[in-house]
Amino acid sequence: MTSFKLAFLHPRYWVTWAGLGLLWLLVQLPYPLLSRFGAGLGRQSRRFLKRRERIAQRNLELCFPYMNSERREALIAKNFMSLGMGLIETGMAWFWSDKRVRRWFDVDGYQHLQAAQASQRGVMVVGVHFMSLELGGRVMGLCQPMMATYRPHNSALMEWVQTRGRMRSNKSMIDRRNLKGLVNALKQGEAVWFAPDQDYGRKGSSFAPFFSVKNAATTNGTFVLSRLSGAKMLTVTMVRKEGCSGYSLHIGEALDDYPGQDEYAAASYINRVIEREILRAPEQYLWIHRRFKTRPIGEPSLYS
C-alpha cells in the first residue's frame, strides 16, 4: 500500500486537501440528505459538462437506436443525477465506518460466490462501471475481502487517498497492466475484481457486438486471464435503489459456459453479460465514457 509522504503537505496539494476535507464534512450528513444533494449536484453539473452530455447522447443513440428522443432525454437527465451521487458515494466509500455502510445495502446471490470459492480456484469477479463503483467496491469487500484491478491515479496524493479508502475493506489493489500479478493471485485462490466494459484501445482487444454497435473494441483480458489461471468467473453489480433506500449488491451464478477457446466468441459473450448487468439500472451506467472511440482500421469515428 502507498505510504503517506511529508511531500503531500506541500502547498501545491492544499486545494486537493481542501476538497477532500469538504467531501469528508459533507458525507457526515444523513444518507437521505446526501441522496438529494447528490442528485441536485448532478443536475447542475450538466450545465458545465456539455461535451460529456454529447458523448452520453451519442452512446445512447448507438446502443439503443430505437429509443425515442423523450425517453433518451429522461435517461440522460437521470444519468447526470447519478453522476452527482457518484461523487457523494466516493466520499461514503472512503470515509464512512463499516457499521454505517452496512446499514444501507442488502446482498442477493452471496451463495454463488461461496460456491465458486469452494472449488479451491480463483474467482474472476466481473464488474461494470456504474457511477456507484467506489462504494460498490467497499460493499463487496465487506461481504468478502478481495483484490481489484485499477489504473493508478496521476496525482501521488490522490493515489494514496484512493488506495487507503479502497483498502478499508479489501485485500489489495493490482495495476491492471500487471498480468503476472493478476494470474498469480487467481492461481492462489483469490477473488479478483475487474471491469472489462471500457474501450482500452486496439492493442489486446477484439471487435465484438455491444448492444446495437457491431464492432466495439473489447479487451481480451478476460480471455487471457481465464486461460492462464483457470479461475471461475461471475458478475457482481451494485445498484442504487429508488427513494433514498440504499443499495442492492447482485452476485451472479458462475459463468460456466464462458467460451474460453476463441477470442472473438469470448469478447461477444462477455459483452452480452455486461449488457445484462447494465440493464439492471441503465441510468446509473457511465455513459459519459467514449466507449466506441476505437474503430476498426478504415472506419470513421462514431463521435465526429
C-alpha atoms as a PDB file:
ATOM      1  CA  MET A   1       0.000   0.000   0.000  1.00  0.00           C
ATOM      2  CA  THR A   2       1.202   3.508  -0.851  1.00  0.00           C
ATOM      3  CA  SER A   3       2.509   5.231   2.282  1.00  0.00           C
ATOM      4  CA  PHE A   4       1.897   8.809   3.383  1.00  0.00           C
ATOM      5  CA  LYS A   5       4.670  11.248   2.430  1.00  0.00           C
ATOM      6  CA  LEU A   6       5.513  14.577   4.025  1.00  0.00           C
ATOM      7  CA  ALA A   7       5.576  15.971   0.487  1.00  0.00           C
ATOM      8  CA  PHE A   8       1.773  15.666   0.493  1.00  0.00           C
ATOM      9  CA  LEU A   9       1.722  18.704   2.817  1.00  0.00           C
ATOM     10  CA  HIS A  10       3.313  20.906   0.141  1.00  0.00           C
ATOM     11  CA  PRO A  11       1.205  23.963  -0.829  1.00  0.00           C
ATOM     12  CA  ARG A  12       0.589  22.509  -4.305  1.00  0.00           C
ATOM     13  CA  TYR A  13      -1.681  19.932  -2.640  1.00  0.00           C
ATOM     14  CA  TRP A  14      -3.623  22.379  -0.462  1.00  0.00           C
ATOM     15  CA  VAL A  15      -6.528  22.711  -2.909  1.00  0.00           C
ATOM     16  CA  THR A  16      -6.811  18.912  -3.064  1.00  0.00           C
ATOM     17  CA  TRP A  17      -6.758  18.688   0.730  1.00  0.00           C
ATOM     18  CA  ALA A  18      -9.466  21.367   0.921  1.00  0.00           C
ATOM     19  CA  GLY A  19     -11.652  19.410  -1.495  1.00  0.00           C
ATOM     20  CA  LEU A  20     -11.150  16.177   0.426  1.00  0.00           C
ATOM     21  CA  GLY A  21     -11.950  17.953   3.699  1.00  0.00           C
ATOM     22  CA  LEU A  22     -15.153  19.374   2.236  1.00  0.00           C
ATOM     23  CA  LEU A  23     -16.155  15.932   0.961  1.00  0.00           C
ATOM     24  CA  TRP A  24     -15.471  14.418   4.408  1.00  0.00           C
ATOM     25  CA  LEU A  25     -17.655  17.031   6.090  1.00  0.00           C
ATOM     26  CA  LEU A  26     -20.411  16.588   3.522  1.00  0.00           C
ATOM     27  CA  VAL A  27     -20.739  12.821   3.927  1.00  0.00           C
ATOM     28  CA  GLN A  28     -21.352  13.226   7.658  1.00  0.00           C
ATOM     29  CA  LEU A  29     -24.901  14.269   6.718  1.00  0.00           C
ATOM     30  CA  PRO A  30     -27.739  11.681   6.891  1.00  0.00           C
ATOM     31  CA  TYR A  31     -27.978   9.499   3.799  1.00  0.00           C
ATOM     32  CA  PRO A  32     -31.402  10.802   2.631  1.00  0.00           C
ATOM     33  CA  LEU A  33     -29.969  14.327   2.553  1.00  0.00           C
ATOM     34  CA  LEU A  34     -26.874  13.111   0.735  1.00  0.00           C
ATOM     35  CA  SER A  35     -29.038  11.381  -1.851  1.00  0.00           C
ATOM     36  CA  ARG A  36     -30.979  14.558  -2.609  1.00  0.00           C
ATOM     37  CA  PHE A  37     -27.842  16.699  -2.585  1.00  0.00           C
ATOM     38  CA  GLY A  38     -26.008  14.344  -4.944  1.00  0.00           C
ATOM     39  CA  ALA A  39     -28.898  14.290  -7.406  1.00  0.00           C
ATOM     40  CA  GLY A  40     -29.085  18.079  -7.352  1.00  0.00           C
ATOM     41  CA  LEU A  41     -25.333  18.384  -7.828  1.00  0.00           C
ATOM     42  CA  GLY A  42     -25.554  16.126 -10.860  1.00  0.00           C
ATOM     43  CA  ARG A  43     -28.377  18.140 -12.394  1.00  0.00           C
ATOM     44  CA  GLN A  44     -26.372  21.340 -12.045  1.00  0.00           C
ATOM     45  CA  SER A  45     -23.163  19.752 -13.369  1.00  0.00           C
ATOM     46  CA  ARG A  46     -24.827  19.044 -16.700  1.00  0.00           C
ATOM     47  CA  ARG A  47     -24.703  22.757 -17.492  1.00  0.00           C
ATOM     48  CA  PHE A  48     -20.894  22.647 -17.335  1.00  0.00           C
ATOM     49  CA  LEU A  49     -20.263  19.235 -18.889  1.00  0.00           C
ATOM     50  CA  LYS A  50     -21.680  19.730 -22.364  1.00  0.00           C
ATOM     51  CA  ARG A  51     -19.019  17.581 -24.027  1.00  0.00           C
ATOM     52  CA  ARG A  52     -19.831  14.693 -21.696  1.00  0.00           C
ATOM     53  CA  GLU A  53     -23.531  15.257 -22.340  1.00  0.00           C
ATOM     54  CA  ARG A  54     -22.927  14.907 -26.091  1.00  0.00           C
ATOM     55  CA  ILE A  55     -20.948  11.702 -25.529  1.00  0.00           C
ATOM     56  CA  ALA A  56     -23.755  10.220 -23.421  1.00  0.00           C
ATOM     57  CA  GLN A  57     -26.296  11.260 -26.063  1.00  0.00           C
ATOM     58  CA  ARG A  58     -24.257   9.604 -28.815  1.00  0.00           C
ATOM     59  CA  ASN A  59     -23.660   6.416 -26.834  1.00  0.00           C
ATOM     60  CA  LEU A  60     -27.377   6.015 -26.206  1.00  0.00           C
ATOM     61  CA  GLU A  61     -28.159   6.695 -29.879  1.00  0.00           C
ATOM     62  CA  LEU A  62     -25.680   3.993 -30.878  1.00  0.00           C
ATOM     63  CA  CYS A  63     -26.700   1.408 -28.291  1.00  0.00           C
ATOM     64  CA  PHE A  64     -30.462   1.986 -28.409  1.00  0.00           C
ATOM     65  CA  PRO A  65     -31.260   3.317 -31.900  1.00  0.00           C
ATOM     66  CA  TYR A  66     -34.995   2.665 -31.483  1.00  0.00           C
ATOM     67  CA  MET A  67     -35.276   4.637 -28.225  1.00  0.00           C
ATOM     68  CA  ASN A  68     -37.310   7.799 -28.816  1.00  0.00           C
ATOM     69  CA  SER A  69     -35.852  11.220 -28.021  1.00  0.00           C
ATOM     70  CA  GLU A  70     -38.078  11.814 -24.979  1.00  0.00           C
ATOM     71  CA  ARG A  71     -37.021   8.578 -23.319  1.00  0.00           C
ATOM     72  CA  ARG A  72     -33.371   9.207 -24.176  1.00  0.00           C
ATOM     73  CA  GLU A  73     -33.516  12.694 -22.678  1.00  0.00           C
ATOM     74  CA  ALA A  74     -35.093  11.319 -19.488  1.00  0.00           C
ATOM     75  CA  LEU A  75     -32.324   8.712 -19.264  1.00  0.00           C
ATOM     76  CA  ILE A  76     -29.593  11.335 -19.718  1.00  0.00           C
ATOM     77  CA  ALA A  77     -31.161  13.542 -17.041  1.00  0.00           C
ATOM     78  CA  LYS A  78     -31.159  10.626 -14.583  1.00  0.00           C
ATOM     79  CA  ASN A  79     -27.632   9.731 -15.640  1.00  0.00           C
ATOM     80  CA  PHE A  80     -26.303  13.133 -14.615  1.00  0.00           C
ATOM     81  CA  MET A  81     -28.172  12.904 -11.309  1.00  0.00           C
ATOM     82  CA  SER A  82     -26.411   9.564 -10.824  1.00  0.00           C
ATOM     83  CA  LEU A  83     -23.081  11.202 -11.714  1.00  0.00           C
ATOM     84  CA  GLY A  84     -23.517  13.727  -8.907  1.00  0.00           C
ATOM     85  CA  MET A  85     -24.447  10.985  -6.498  1.00  0.00           C
ATOM     86  CA  GLY A  86     -21.339   9.073  -7.598  1.00  0.00           C
ATOM     87  CA  LEU A  87     -19.152  11.829  -6.136  1.00  0.00           C
ATOM     88  CA  ILE A  88     -21.011  11.607  -2.827  1.00  0.00           C
ATOM     89  CA  GLU A  89     -20.718   7.819  -2.872  1.00  0.00           C
ATOM     90  CA  THR A  90     -16.966   8.118  -3.324  1.00  0.00           C
ATOM     91  CA  GLY A  91     -16.843  10.047  -0.042  1.00  0.00           C
ATOM     92  CA  MET A  92     -19.093   7.454   1.579  1.00  0.00           C
ATOM     93  CA  ALA A  93     -16.811   4.661   0.384  1.00  0.00           C
ATOM     94  CA  TRP A  94     -13.633   6.344   1.637  1.00  0.00           C
ATOM     95  CA  PHE A  95     -14.834   7.914   4.886  1.00  0.00           C
ATOM     96  CA  TRP A  96     -17.857   6.037   6.281  1.00  0.00           C
ATOM     97  CA  SER A  97     -17.429   3.424   9.007  1.00  0.00           C
ATOM     98  CA  ASP A  98     -18.188  -0.226   8.246  1.00  0.00           C
ATOM     99  CA  LYS A  99     -21.223  -0.041  10.531  1.00  0.00           C
ATOM    100  CA  ARG A 100     -22.711   2.876   8.653  1.00  0.00           C
ATOM    101  CA  VAL A 101     -22.093   1.326   5.212  1.00  0.00           C
ATOM    102  CA  ARG A 102     -23.721  -1.949   6.286  1.00  0.00           C
ATOM    103  CA  ARG A 103     -26.951  -0.148   7.180  1.00  0.00           C
ATOM    104  CA  TRP A 104     -27.582   0.810   3.567  1.00  0.00           C
ATOM    105  CA  PHE A 105     -27.160  -2.310   1.444  1.00  0.00           C
ATOM    106  CA  ASP A 106     -28.506  -5.816   1.011  1.00  0.00           C
ATOM    107  CA  VAL A 107     -26.981  -8.735  -0.890  1.00  0.00           C
ATOM    108  CA  ASP A 108     -28.532 -11.076  -3.421  1.00  0.00           C
ATOM    109  CA  GLY A 109     -26.711 -14.238  -4.508  1.00  0.00           C
ATOM    110  CA  TYR A 110     -23.877 -14.426  -1.980  1.00  0.00           C
ATOM    111  CA  GLN A 111     -24.152 -18.209  -2.171  1.00  0.00           C
ATOM    112  CA  HIS A 112     -22.855 -18.050  -5.747  1.00  0.00           C
ATOM    113  CA  LEU A 113     -19.582 -16.508  -4.595  1.00  0.00           C
ATOM    114  CA  GLN A 114     -19.279 -19.087  -1.821  1.00  0.00           C
ATOM    115  CA  ALA A 115     -19.867 -21.931  -4.288  1.00  0.00           C
ATOM    116  CA  ALA A 116     -17.250 -20.548  -6.695  1.00  0.00           C
ATOM    117  CA  GLN A 117     -14.656 -20.238  -3.935  1.00  0.00           C
ATOM    118  CA  ALA A 118     -15.438 -23.728  -2.627  1.00  0.00           C
ATOM    119  CA  SER A 119     -13.909 -25.105  -5.828  1.00  0.00           C
ATOM    120  CA  GLN A 120     -10.476 -24.023  -4.480  1.00  0.00           C
ATOM    121  CA  ARG A 121      -9.912 -21.991  -7.637  1.00  0.00           C
ATOM    122  CA  GLY A 122      -9.587 -18.275  -8.043  1.00  0.00           C
ATOM    123  CA  VAL A 123     -12.646 -16.226  -8.908  1.00  0.00           C
ATOM    124  CA  MET A 124     -12.698 -13.555 -11.605  1.00  0.00           C
ATOM    125  CA  VAL A 125     -15.272 -11.025 -10.420  1.00  0.00           C
ATOM    126  CA  VAL A 126     -16.629  -9.199 -13.467  1.00  0.00           C
ATOM    127  CA  GLY A 127     -17.925  -5.694 -12.767  1.00  0.00           C
ATOM    128  CA  VAL A 128     -19.202  -2.749 -14.795  1.00  0.00           C
ATOM    129  CA  HIS A 129     -18.571   0.977 -14.477  1.00  0.00           C
ATOM    130  CA  PHE A 130     -21.654   2.140 -12.635  1.00  0.00           C
ATOM    131  CA  MET A 131     -21.489   5.600 -11.040  1.00  0.00           C
ATOM    132  CA  SER A 132     -21.501   3.972  -7.588  1.00  0.00           C
ATOM    133  CA  LEU A 133     -18.363   1.982  -8.410  1.00  0.00           C
ATOM    134  CA  GLU A 134     -16.267   3.216  -5.461  1.00  0.00           C
ATOM    135  CA  LEU A 135     -18.983   2.411  -2.944  1.00  0.00           C
ATOM    136  CA  GLY A 136     -19.625  -0.894  -4.681  1.00  0.00           C
ATOM    137  CA  GLY A 137     -16.010  -1.897  -4.083  1.00  0.00           C
ATOM    138  CA  ARG A 138     -16.329  -1.044  -0.396  1.00  0.00           C
ATOM    139  CA  VAL A 139     -19.553  -3.048  -0.111  1.00  0.00           C
ATOM    140  CA  MET A 140     -18.073  -6.056  -1.919  1.00  0.00           C
ATOM    141  CA  GLY A 141     -15.146  -6.034   0.475  1.00  0.00           C
ATOM    142  CA  LEU A 142     -17.473  -6.064   3.482  1.00  0.00           C
ATOM    143  CA  CYS A 143     -19.110  -9.181   2.084  1.00  0.00           C
ATOM    144  CA  GLN A 144     -15.870 -10.855   1.023  1.00  0.00           C
ATOM    145  CA  PRO A 145     -12.468  -9.101   1.068  1.00  0.00           C
ATOM    146  CA  MET A 146     -10.911  -9.415  -2.358  1.00  0.00           C
ATOM    147  CA  MET A 147      -8.386  -7.867  -4.721  1.00  0.00           C
ATOM    148  CA  ALA A 148      -9.183  -5.433  -7.513  1.00  0.00           C
ATOM    149  CA  THR A 149      -7.560  -4.179 -10.691  1.00  0.00           C
ATOM    150  CA  TYR A 150      -7.231  -0.431 -11.186  1.00  0.00           C
ATOM    151  CA  ARG A 151      -5.411   2.339 -13.017  1.00  0.00           C
ATOM    152  CA  PRO A 152      -3.041   4.260 -10.712  1.00  0.00           C
ATOM    153  CA  HIS A 153      -4.017   7.912 -10.212  1.00  0.00           C
ATOM    154  CA  ASN A 154      -1.884  10.595 -11.852  1.00  0.00           C
ATOM    155  CA  SER A 155      -1.700  12.528  -8.565  1.00  0.00           C
ATOM    156  CA  ALA A 156       0.502  10.931  -5.901  1.00  0.00           C
ATOM    157  CA  LEU A 157      -1.726  12.340  -3.146  1.00  0.00           C
ATOM    158  CA  MET A 158      -4.945  11.075  -4.724  1.00  0.00           C
ATOM    159  CA  GLU A 159      -3.285   7.698  -5.323  1.00  0.00           C
ATOM    160  CA  TRP A 160      -2.612   7.483  -1.571  1.00  0.00           C
ATOM    161  CA  VAL A 161      -6.126   8.645  -0.652  1.00  0.00           C
ATOM    162  CA  GLN A 162      -7.994   6.341  -3.035  1.00  0.00           C
ATOM    163  CA  THR A 163      -5.837   3.312  -2.209  1.00  0.00           C
ATOM    164  CA  ARG A 164      -6.287   3.929   1.522  1.00  0.00           C
ATOM    165  CA  GLY A 165     -10.046   4.238   1.021  1.00  0.00           C
ATOM    166  CA  ARG A 166     -10.317   1.128  -1.123  1.00  0.00           C
ATOM    167  CA  MET A 167      -8.206  -0.931   1.271  1.00  0.00           C
ATOM    168  CA  ARG A 168     -10.574  -0.298   4.166  1.00  0.00           C
ATOM    169  CA  SER A 169     -12.452  -3.482   3.300  1.00  0.00           C
ATOM    170  CA  ASN A 170     -10.354  -5.182   0.623  1.00  0.00           C
ATOM    171  CA  LYS A 171      -7.037  -7.007   0.403  1.00  0.00           C
ATOM    172  CA  SER A 172      -5.023  -5.176  -2.240  1.00  0.00           C
ATOM    173  CA  MET A 173      -5.081  -3.236  -5.495  1.00  0.00           C
ATOM    174  CA  ILE A 174      -3.340  -4.603  -8.600  1.00  0.00           C
ATOM    175  CA  ASP A 175      -2.352  -2.433 -11.547  1.00  0.00           C
ATOM    176  CA  ARG A 176      -4.452  -3.612 -14.484  1.00  0.00           C
ATOM    177  CA  ARG A 177      -1.266  -3.859 -16.593  1.00  0.00           C
ATOM    178  CA  ASN A 178       0.261  -6.353 -14.136  1.00  0.00           C
ATOM    179  CA  LEU A 179      -0.809  -9.556 -15.871  1.00  0.00           C
ATOM    180  CA  LYS A 180       1.618 -11.743 -13.903  1.00  0.00           C
ATOM    181  CA  GLY A 181       0.329 -10.409 -10.585  1.00  0.00           C
ATOM    182  CA  LEU A 182      -3.289 -10.973 -11.610  1.00  0.00           C
ATOM    183  CA  VAL A 183      -2.677 -14.541 -12.750  1.00  0.00           C
ATOM    184  CA  ASN A 184      -0.691 -15.393  -9.610  1.00  0.00           C
ATOM    185  CA  ALA A 185      -3.448 -14.022  -7.364  1.00  0.00           C
ATOM    186  CA  LEU A 186      -6.081 -16.097  -9.155  1.00  0.00           C
ATOM    187  CA  LYS A 187      -3.944 -19.243  -9.077  1.00  0.00           C
ATOM    188  CA  GLN A 188      -3.604 -18.762  -5.315  1.00  0.00           C
ATOM    189  CA  GLY A 189      -7.389 -18.890  -4.992  1.00  0.00           C
ATOM    190  CA  GLU A 190      -8.057 -15.149  -4.592  1.00  0.00           C
ATOM    191  CA  ALA A 191     -11.173 -13.340  -5.797  1.00  0.00           C
ATOM    192  CA  VAL A 192     -10.095 -10.524  -8.144  1.00  0.00           C
ATOM    193  CA  TRP A 193     -12.452  -7.800  -9.405  1.00  0.00           C
ATOM    194  CA  PHE A 194     -12.021  -6.231 -12.825  1.00  0.00           C
ATOM    195  CA  ALA A 195     -14.242  -4.384 -15.296  1.00  0.00           C
ATOM    196  CA  PRO A 196     -13.851  -5.305 -18.999  1.00  0.00           C
ATOM    197  CA  ASP A 197     -16.554  -2.874 -20.195  1.00  0.00           C
ATOM    198  CA  GLN A 198     -14.455   0.089 -21.360  1.00  0.00           C
ATOM    199  CA  ASP A 199     -12.525   0.885 -24.524  1.00  0.00           C
ATOM    200  CA  TYR A 200      -8.853   0.215 -23.759  1.00  0.00           C
ATOM    201  CA  GLY A 201      -7.653   0.697 -27.342  1.00  0.00           C
ATOM    202  CA  ARG A 202      -6.918  -1.585 -30.283  1.00  0.00           C
ATOM    203  CA  LYS A 203      -3.980  -3.438 -28.720  1.00  0.00           C
ATOM    204  CA  GLY A 204      -5.120  -6.538 -26.892  1.00  0.00           C
ATOM    205  CA  SER A 205      -8.743  -6.130 -27.990  1.00  0.00           C
ATOM    206  CA  SER A 206     -11.262  -7.822 -30.261  1.00  0.00           C
ATOM    207  CA  PHE A 207     -14.081  -6.047 -32.099  1.00  0.00           C
ATOM    208  CA  ALA A 208     -17.326  -7.620 -30.944  1.00  0.00           C
ATOM    209  CA  PRO A 209     -21.008  -6.606 -30.776  1.00  0.00           C
ATOM    210  CA  PHE A 210     -22.125  -4.441 -27.854  1.00  0.00           C
ATOM    211  CA  PHE A 211     -25.833  -3.602 -27.761  1.00  0.00           C
ATOM    212  CA  SER A 212     -26.521  -2.328 -31.321  1.00  0.00           C
ATOM    213  CA  VAL A 213     -22.900  -1.451 -32.128  1.00  0.00           C
ATOM    214  CA  LYS A 214     -21.472  -4.179 -34.368  1.00  0.00           C
ATOM    215  CA  ASN A 215     -17.781  -3.546 -33.661  1.00  0.00           C
ATOM    216  CA  ALA A 216     -16.924  -2.420 -30.124  1.00  0.00           C
ATOM    217  CA  ALA A 217     -13.278  -2.695 -29.055  1.00  0.00           C
ATOM    218  CA  THR A 218     -13.443  -5.236 -26.217  1.00  0.00           C
ATOM    219  CA  THR A 219     -10.456  -6.167 -24.105  1.00  0.00           C
ATOM    220  CA  ASN A 220      -9.149  -9.705 -24.419  1.00  0.00           C
ATOM    221  CA  GLY A 221      -8.021  -9.522 -20.793  1.00  0.00           C
ATOM    222  CA  THR A 222     -10.897 -11.720 -19.660  1.00  0.00           C
ATOM    223  CA  PHE A 223      -9.953 -14.359 -22.217  1.00  0.00           C
ATOM    224  CA  VAL A 224      -6.244 -14.275 -21.322  1.00  0.00           C
ATOM    225  CA  LEU A 225      -6.814 -14.388 -17.551  1.00  0.00           C
ATOM    226  CA  SER A 226      -9.282 -17.245 -17.914  1.00  0.00           C
ATOM    227  CA  ARG A 227      -6.884 -19.352 -19.967  1.00  0.00           C
ATOM    228  CA  LEU A 228      -3.824 -18.670 -17.813  1.00  0.00           C
ATOM    229  CA  SER A 229      -5.479 -19.041 -14.406  1.00  0.00           C
ATOM    230  CA  GLY A 230      -8.345 -21.496 -14.901  1.00  0.00           C
ATOM    231  CA  ALA A 231     -10.375 -19.355 -12.487  1.00  0.00           C
ATOM    232  CA  LYS A 232     -14.124 -19.362 -12.061  1.00  0.00           C
ATOM    233  CA  MET A 233     -15.971 -16.290 -13.314  1.00  0.00           C
ATOM    234  CA  LEU A 234     -19.073 -14.481 -12.063  1.00  0.00           C
ATOM    235  CA  THR A 235     -20.590 -10.990 -12.024  1.00  0.00           C
ATOM    236  CA  VAL A 236     -21.012  -8.578  -9.122  1.00  0.00           C
ATOM    237  CA  THR A 237     -23.065  -5.414  -9.638  1.00  0.00           C
ATOM    238  CA  MET A 238     -24.282  -2.863  -7.105  1.00  0.00           C
ATOM    239  CA  VAL A 239     -27.433  -0.908  -7.940  1.00  0.00           C
ATOM    240  CA  ARG A 240     -28.724   2.187  -6.190  1.00  0.00           C
ATOM    241  CA  LYS A 241     -32.350   1.730  -5.111  1.00  0.00           C
ATOM    242  CA  GLU A 242     -35.107   4.255  -5.670  1.00  0.00           C
ATOM    243  CA  GLY A 243     -36.269   6.613  -2.962  1.00  0.00           C
ATOM    244  CA  CYS A 244     -33.167   7.028  -0.777  1.00  0.00           C
ATOM    245  CA  SER A 245     -33.477   3.421   0.374  1.00  0.00           C
ATOM    246  CA  GLY A 246     -29.888   2.292  -0.194  1.00  0.00           C
ATOM    247  CA  TYR A 247     -28.304  -0.300  -2.462  1.00  0.00           C
ATOM    248  CA  SER A 248     -28.557  -3.891  -3.635  1.00  0.00           C
ATOM    249  CA  LEU A 249     -25.460  -5.958  -4.387  1.00  0.00           C
ATOM    250  CA  HIS A 250     -26.211  -8.608  -7.024  1.00  0.00           C
ATOM    251  CA  ILE A 251     -23.850 -11.597  -7.257  1.00  0.00           C
ATOM    252  CA  GLY A 252     -24.472 -13.793 -10.282  1.00  0.00           C
ATOM    253  CA  GLU A 253     -24.050 -17.506 -10.824  1.00  0.00           C
ATOM    254  CA  ALA A 254     -20.740 -18.792 -12.153  1.00  0.00           C
ATOM    255  CA  LEU A 255     -20.368 -18.234 -15.906  1.00  0.00           C
ATOM    256  CA  ASP A 256     -19.579 -21.864 -16.605  1.00  0.00           C
ATOM    257  CA  ASP A 257     -20.491 -21.585 -20.301  1.00  0.00           C
ATOM    258  CA  TYR A 258     -17.809 -18.973 -20.998  1.00  0.00           C
ATOM    259  CA  PRO A 259     -16.218 -19.825 -24.402  1.00  0.00           C
ATOM    260  CA  GLY A 260     -12.573 -19.861 -23.386  1.00  0.00           C
ATOM    261  CA  GLN A 261     -11.123 -21.153 -26.663  1.00  0.00           C
ATOM    262  CA  ASP A 262     -11.816 -18.289 -29.069  1.00  0.00           C
ATOM    263  CA  GLU A 263     -11.110 -14.575 -28.518  1.00  0.00           C
ATOM    264  CA  TYR A 264     -13.996 -13.242 -30.620  1.00  0.00           C
ATOM    265  CA  ALA A 265     -16.540 -15.625 -29.088  1.00  0.00           C
ATOM    266  CA  ALA A 266     -15.247 -14.759 -25.613  1.00  0.00           C
ATOM    267  CA  ALA A 267     -15.470 -10.996 -26.273  1.00  0.00           C
ATOM    268  CA  SER A 268     -19.001 -11.347 -27.680  1.00  0.00           C
ATOM    269  CA  TYR A 269     -20.030 -13.413 -24.664  1.00  0.00           C
ATOM    270  CA  ILE A 270     -18.634 -11.008 -22.085  1.00  0.00           C
ATOM    271  CA  ASN A 271     -20.317  -8.070 -23.835  1.00  0.00           C
ATOM    272  CA  ARG A 272     -23.672  -9.842 -23.561  1.00  0.00           C
ATOM    273  CA  VAL A 273     -23.012 -10.359 -19.859  1.00  0.00           C
ATOM    274  CA  ILE A 274     -22.155  -6.671 -19.450  1.00  0.00           C
ATOM    275  CA  GLU A 275     -25.309  -5.653 -21.347  1.00  0.00           C
ATOM    276  CA  ARG A 276     -27.407  -7.695 -18.940  1.00  0.00           C
ATOM    277  CA  GLU A 277     -25.802  -6.043 -15.933  1.00  0.00           C
ATOM    278  CA  ILE A 278     -26.176  -2.521 -17.381  1.00  0.00           C
ATOM    279  CA  LEU A 279     -29.891  -3.116 -17.967  1.00  0.00           C
ATOM    280  CA  ARG A 280     -30.396  -3.603 -14.221  1.00  0.00           C
ATOM    281  CA  ALA A 281     -30.157   0.199 -13.977  1.00  0.00           C
ATOM    282  CA  PRO A 282     -29.106   1.841 -17.270  1.00  0.00           C
ATOM    283  CA  GLU A 283     -29.430   5.336 -15.802  1.00  0.00           C
ATOM    284  CA  GLN A 284     -26.585   4.519 -13.393  1.00  0.00           C
ATOM    285  CA  TYR A 285     -24.060   3.438 -16.041  1.00  0.00           C
ATOM    286  CA  LEU A 286     -21.064   5.544 -17.123  1.00  0.00           C
ATOM    287  CA  TRP A 287     -22.467   6.634 -20.497  1.00  0.00           C
ATOM    288  CA  ILE A 288     -20.209   9.707 -20.500  1.00  0.00           C
ATOM    289  CA  HIS A 289     -17.226   7.459 -21.381  1.00  0.00           C
ATOM    290  CA  ARG A 290     -16.350   7.246 -25.095  1.00  0.00           C
ATOM    291  CA  ARG A 291     -16.984   3.515 -25.233  1.00  0.00           C
ATOM    292  CA  PHE A 292     -16.648   3.337 -29.032  1.00  0.00           C
ATOM    293  CA  LYS A 293     -13.689   5.652 -29.668  1.00  0.00           C
ATOM    294  CA  THR A 294     -11.523   2.841 -31.136  1.00  0.00           C
ATOM    295  CA  ARG A 295     -12.714   1.745 -34.561  1.00  0.00           C
ATOM    296  CA  PRO A 296     -11.554  -0.972 -36.932  1.00  0.00           C
ATOM    297  CA  ILE A 297      -8.927   0.319 -39.358  1.00  0.00           C
ATOM    298  CA  GLY A 298     -10.619   2.308 -42.092  1.00  0.00           C
ATOM    299  CA  GLU A 299     -13.819   3.060 -40.168  1.00  0.00           C
ATOM    300  CA  PRO A 300     -14.616   6.693 -39.306  1.00  0.00           C
ATOM    301  CA  SER A 301     -15.091   7.912 -35.747  1.00  0.00           C
ATOM    302  CA  LEU A 302     -18.547   7.441 -34.291  1.00  0.00           C
ATOM    303  CA  TYR A 303     -18.186  10.702 -32.348  1.00  0.00           C
ATOM    304  CA  SER A 304     -17.435  13.116 -35.194  1.00  0.00           C
END
